[in-house]
Protein backbone atom coordinates (compact mmCIF):
# COMPACT_ATOMS: atom_id res chain seq x y z
CA MET A 1 -22.71 -2.54 -11.90
CA ARG A 2 -19.28 -0.99 -11.31
CA GLU A 3 -19.13 1.58 -8.56
CA VAL A 4 -17.01 4.61 -9.39
CA ILE A 5 -15.07 6.58 -6.82
CA HIS A 6 -14.71 10.16 -8.05
CA ASN A 7 -11.60 12.08 -7.07
CA ARG A 8 -9.78 15.38 -7.31
CA ILE A 9 -6.26 13.99 -7.38
CA ALA A 10 -5.36 15.54 -10.75
CA MET A 11 -6.63 18.95 -9.62
CA LEU A 12 -4.72 18.77 -6.33
CA ARG A 13 -1.55 17.64 -8.11
CA ALA A 14 -1.79 20.47 -10.64
CA GLU A 15 -2.54 23.03 -7.96
CA ARG A 16 0.52 21.96 -5.97
CA LYS A 17 2.76 21.16 -8.95
CA VAL A 18 3.22 17.51 -7.97
CA SER A 19 3.92 14.94 -10.70
CA ARG A 20 2.28 11.52 -10.77
CA ARG A 21 5.66 9.97 -10.12
CA ASP A 22 6.37 12.22 -7.12
CA LEU A 23 2.98 11.42 -5.60
CA ALA A 24 3.42 7.72 -6.27
CA ASP A 25 6.88 7.72 -4.69
CA ALA A 26 5.54 9.50 -1.60
CA LEU A 27 2.72 6.94 -1.28
CA GLY A 28 4.82 3.88 -2.12
CA VAL A 29 2.78 2.90 -5.18
CA HIS A 30 3.56 2.61 -8.90
CA TYR A 31 3.09 5.89 -10.81
CA GLN A 32 0.56 4.20 -13.10
CA THR A 33 -1.64 3.58 -10.07
CA ILE A 34 -2.03 7.34 -9.73
CA GLY A 35 -3.18 7.55 -13.35
CA TYR A 36 -5.66 4.70 -12.82
CA LEU A 37 -7.03 6.49 -9.74
CA GLU A 38 -7.33 9.83 -11.54
CA ARG A 39 -9.23 8.27 -14.45
CA GLY A 40 -11.55 6.30 -12.16
CA GLU A 41 -10.23 2.98 -13.47
CA PHE A 42 -9.19 1.87 -9.98
CA SER A 43 -10.86 2.46 -6.62
CA PRO A 44 -8.42 3.00 -3.78
CA SER A 45 -8.40 0.98 -0.61
CA LEU A 46 -9.41 2.94 2.45
CA HIS A 47 -5.77 2.95 3.54
CA LEU A 48 -4.59 4.41 0.23
CA ALA A 49 -7.40 6.99 0.16
CA LEU A 50 -6.45 8.17 3.64
CA ARG A 51 -2.77 8.35 2.68
CA VAL A 52 -3.60 10.46 -0.41
CA ALA A 53 -5.66 12.84 1.72
CA GLU A 54 -2.89 13.02 4.32
CA TYR A 55 -0.31 13.76 1.61
CA PHE A 56 -2.35 16.76 0.44
CA ASP A 57 -3.22 17.67 4.06
CA VAL A 58 -6.97 17.74 3.40
CA PRO A 59 -9.93 15.67 4.64
CA VAL A 60 -10.51 12.51 2.61
CA GLU A 61 -13.89 13.92 1.47
CA VAL A 62 -12.05 16.72 -0.34
CA VAL A 63 -10.23 14.15 -2.49
CA PHE A 64 -12.74 11.29 -2.90
CA SER A 65 -16.51 11.01 -3.31
CA ILE A 66 -19.12 8.50 -4.42
CA HIS A 67 -20.82 11.37 -6.28
CA PRO A 68 -19.31 13.48 -9.07
CA PHE A 69 -17.75 16.70 -7.86
CA PRO A 70 -19.40 19.91 -9.10
CA ARG A 71 -17.47 21.67 -11.83
CA LEU A 72 -15.31 24.51 -10.60
CA GLY A 73 -16.76 27.90 -11.41
CA ALA A 74 -20.28 26.48 -11.78
């Protein structure tokens, strides 16, 4: 069974008008890694998850969860 880490990276990027490439450059990863993370095809290391949260200046729980996030407006 594959464990999925749910995330709000795409929402945070859109909200703050940050491209995948800009985020990847800031984190020191390949831009495709951001796409893999957003689609749930890759689970981040703890270090990377903390760096993503720090980049957006939010707690890591705002960005990542082991449970699906509720839909906005629901």
